[in-house]
């Protein structure tokens, strides 16, 4: 995966000492923290859009959809199914965007949460959102209408977030604190 100019790359790593590039989509420059669910890769491309790539055949990567809209500065994405609907929770420097990606060829914007976002993580019906002004925890009983549970933890420039059991783990990129 090349972040600046190479695009989205599939490597064959069956021989770890000699990885081989088998496919590249050069048009996906400036990709950030992508998410793979089943046979699809969701790739926020920072200054452009969030394409959805079919990775069923790694030698023939192909874009099959896109979350169109104002996704400028998309940084991170988490994809989760709730019942019959698949949602993409897209971190965006100015807000958190939620898209219905059930049909990757026909995605649509569901809602926007007015909170800065640099990292997002979903576990169960809880959404953890990390941003330079702090971390927020949301209830996703209704994913199209997230409800704030609590706002906590200030960090300077957080980029990574995960949760397990009753603990949230965050990484502050400016200070190097975990």
Protein backbone atom coordinates (compact mmCIF):
# COMPACT_ATOMS: atom_id res chain seq x y z
CA UNK A 1 0.00 0.00 0.00
CA UNK A 2 1.61 3.23 -1.14
CA UNK A 3 0.43 6.34 0.68
CA UNK A 4 1.79 9.15 -1.47
CA UNK A 5 2.12 8.27 -5.15
CA UNK A 6 2.01 4.54 -5.79
CA UNK A 7 -1.69 3.90 -5.35
CA UNK A 8 -3.33 0.75 -3.97
CA UNK A 9 -1.03 -2.24 -4.37
CA UNK A 10 -1.51 -6.01 -3.96
CA UNK A 11 1.60 -8.04 -3.15
CA UNK A 12 2.05 -11.78 -3.29
CA UNK A 13 3.80 -12.58 -0.01
CA UNK A 14 3.79 -16.39 -0.30
CA UNK A 15 7.60 -16.06 -0.22
CA UNK A 16 8.06 -13.42 2.53
CA UNK A 17 11.69 -12.82 1.58
CA UNK A 18 10.64 -11.90 -1.95
CA UNK A 19 7.30 -10.04 -2.05
CA UNK A 20 6.05 -9.48 -5.59
CA UNK A 21 3.70 -6.72 -6.79
CA UNK A 22 0.86 -8.41 -8.64
CA UNK A 23 -1.56 -5.53 -9.16
CA UNK A 24 -1.78 -1.76 -8.67
CA UNK A 25 -4.48 0.87 -8.99
CA UNK A 26 -2.42 4.02 -9.56
CA UNK A 27 -5.42 6.37 -9.48
CA UNK A 28 -5.84 5.79 -5.72
CA UNK A 29 -3.10 8.14 -4.58
CA UNK A 30 -2.97 9.64 -1.08
CA UNK A 31 -4.81 6.69 0.45
CA UNK A 32 -4.97 6.61 4.21
CA UNK A 33 -6.03 3.90 6.68
CA UNK A 34 -8.13 1.55 4.60
CA UNK A 35 -10.46 -1.21 5.80
CA UNK A 36 -10.99 -4.65 4.29
CA UNK A 37 -14.28 -6.44 4.86
CA UNK A 38 -14.87 -9.73 3.12
CA UNK A 39 -13.89 -9.17 -0.54
CA UNK A 40 -13.95 -5.37 -0.52
CA UNK A 41 -11.37 -2.72 0.39
CA UNK A 42 -12.69 0.70 1.48
CA UNK A 43 -9.99 3.30 0.82
CA UNK A 44 -10.24 6.90 2.00
CA UNK A 45 -8.00 8.75 -0.45
CA UNK A 46 -7.51 11.87 1.64
CA UNK A 47 -8.14 14.61 -0.91
CA UNK A 48 -10.49 12.92 -3.30
CA UNK A 49 -13.16 10.34 -2.46
CA UNK A 50 -13.52 6.90 -0.87
CA UNK A 51 -13.45 4.22 -3.55
CA UNK A 52 -14.52 0.65 -2.91
CA UNK A 53 -12.24 -1.95 -4.50
CA UNK A 54 -13.11 -5.57 -5.22
CA UNK A 55 -10.14 -7.66 -4.05
CA UNK A 56 -11.61 -11.11 -4.84
CA UNK A 57 -8.92 -11.56 -7.49
CA UNK A 58 -5.83 -9.73 -6.18
CA UNK A 59 -4.27 -9.84 -9.66
CA UNK A 60 -7.25 -7.93 -11.04
CA UNK A 61 -8.09 -5.22 -8.50
CA UNK A 62 -10.97 -3.09 -9.66
CA UNK A 63 -12.90 -0.13 -8.34
CA UNK A 64 -16.59 -1.05 -8.15
CA UNK A 65 -18.01 1.87 -6.20
CA UNK A 66 -17.36 5.10 -4.38
CA UNK A 67 -18.73 7.10 -1.47
CA UNK A 68 -19.20 10.31 -3.38
CA UNK A 69 -19.68 13.59 -1.61
CA UNK A 70 -17.53 16.00 0.31
CA UNK A 71 -14.99 13.57 1.70
CA UNK A 72 -12.06 15.96 1.52
CA UNK A 73 -9.42 15.01 4.12
CA UNK A 74 -10.83 11.53 4.77
CA UNK A 75 -8.35 9.73 6.98
CA UNK A 76 -9.80 6.52 8.32
CA UNK A 77 -12.79 4.22 7.77
CA UNK A 78 -14.53 1.44 9.66
CA UNK A 79 -17.16 -0.76 8.01
CA UNK A 80 -19.78 -2.60 10.05
CA UNK A 81 -23.00 -4.51 9.38
CA UNK A 82 -26.12 -3.85 11.41
CA UNK A 83 -28.88 -6.23 10.36
CA UNK A 84 -29.24 -6.06 6.58
CA UNK A 85 -27.38 -2.77 6.24
CA UNK A 86 -23.63 -2.20 5.92
CA UNK A 87 -22.35 1.19 7.06
CA UNK A 88 -19.03 2.94 6.42
CA UNK A 89 -18.00 5.30 9.23
CA UNK A 90 -15.54 7.70 7.62
CA UNK A 91 -13.16 9.86 9.64
CA UNK A 92 -12.92 13.30 8.14
CA UNK A 93 -10.93 16.14 9.69
CA UNK A 94 -14.05 18.29 9.94
CA UNK A 95 -16.70 15.67 10.71
CA UNK A 96 -17.63 12.00 10.89
CA UNK A 97 -19.51 10.79 7.79
CA UNK A 98 -21.77 7.76 7.73
CA UNK A 99 -22.58 6.05 4.42
CA UNK A 100 -24.77 3.09 3.53
CA UNK A 101 -22.48 0.81 1.52
CA UNK A 102 -24.76 -2.24 1.44
CA UNK A 103 -24.65 -2.04 -2.36
CA UNK A 104 -21.10 -0.84 -3.09
CA UNK A 105 -22.14 0.18 -6.61
CA UNK A 106 -24.84 2.48 -5.21
CA UNK A 107 -23.72 4.01 -1.91
CA UNK A 108 -25.39 6.95 -0.25
CA UNK A 109 -24.71 9.42 2.52
CA UNK A 110 -26.77 8.63 5.63
CA UNK A 111 -25.73 11.32 8.08
CA UNK A 112 -22.95 13.57 9.27
CA UNK A 113 -21.86 13.91 12.87
CA UNK A 114 -20.39 17.36 13.50
CA UNK A 115 -17.26 16.25 15.28
CA UNK A 116 -13.62 16.32 14.12
CA UNK A 117 -12.43 12.82 13.34
CA UNK A 118 -8.99 11.30 12.74
CA UNK A 119 -9.75 7.72 13.80
CA UNK A 120 -12.90 5.67 14.20
CA UNK A 121 -13.53 2.23 15.66
CA UNK A 122 -16.80 0.33 16.06
CA UNK A 123 -17.37 -2.48 18.53
CA UNK A 124 -20.85 -3.86 18.97
CA UNK A 125 -23.21 -0.92 18.99
CA UNK A 126 -20.57 1.56 20.18
CA UNK A 127 -18.58 3.94 18.02
CA UNK A 128 -15.34 5.40 19.31
CA UNK A 129 -14.31 8.59 17.53
CA UNK A 130 -10.88 10.16 18.06
CA UNK A 131 -9.93 13.67 17.04
CA UNK A 132 -7.46 16.41 18.00
CA UNK A 133 -10.00 17.85 20.42
CA UNK A 134 -10.67 14.57 22.25
CA UNK A 135 -12.41 11.23 22.11
CA UNK A 136 -16.14 10.70 21.92
CA UNK A 137 -18.11 7.53 22.51
CA UNK A 138 -21.42 7.11 20.66
CA UNK A 139 -24.31 4.68 20.98
CA UNK A 140 -25.15 3.10 17.59
CA UNK A 141 -28.51 1.59 18.51
CA UNK A 142 -29.65 3.51 15.44
CA UNK A 143 -26.54 3.91 13.21
CA UNK A 144 -28.21 6.68 11.19
CA UNK A 145 -28.58 8.72 14.40
CA UNK A 146 -25.56 8.18 16.71
CA UNK A 147 -26.14 9.37 20.27
CA UNK A 148 -23.26 10.81 22.30
CA UNK A 149 -22.60 8.76 25.44
CA UNK A 150 -19.54 10.60 26.71
CA UNK A 151 -16.72 12.86 25.62
CA UNK A 152 -13.32 12.30 27.20
CA UNK A 153 -9.52 12.16 26.82
CA UNK A 154 -7.70 15.04 25.18
CA UNK A 155 -4.73 14.27 22.92
CA UNK A 156 -2.68 16.52 20.67
CA UNK A 157 -2.78 14.66 17.33
CA UNK A 158 -4.33 11.20 17.59
CA UNK A 159 -4.31 8.84 14.62
CA UNK A 160 -5.07 5.34 15.84
CA UNK A 161 -7.81 4.02 18.06
CA UNK A 162 -9.07 0.59 19.04
CA UNK A 163 -11.10 -0.85 21.88
CA UNK A 164 -11.21 -4.24 23.52
CA UNK A 165 -13.40 -5.36 26.40
CA UNK A 166 -13.76 -2.26 28.60
CA UNK A 167 -10.60 -0.49 27.43
CA UNK A 168 -9.90 2.00 24.65
CA UNK A 169 -6.38 2.29 23.25
CA UNK A 170 -5.38 5.51 21.50
CA UNK A 171 -2.15 6.64 19.91
CA UNK A 172 -1.12 10.29 19.95
CA UNK A 173 1.00 10.89 16.83
CA UNK A 174 2.37 14.22 18.05
CA UNK A 175 3.77 13.04 21.35
CA UNK A 176 4.09 9.32 20.75
CA UNK A 177 1.96 8.50 23.79
CA UNK A 178 -0.17 5.40 23.91
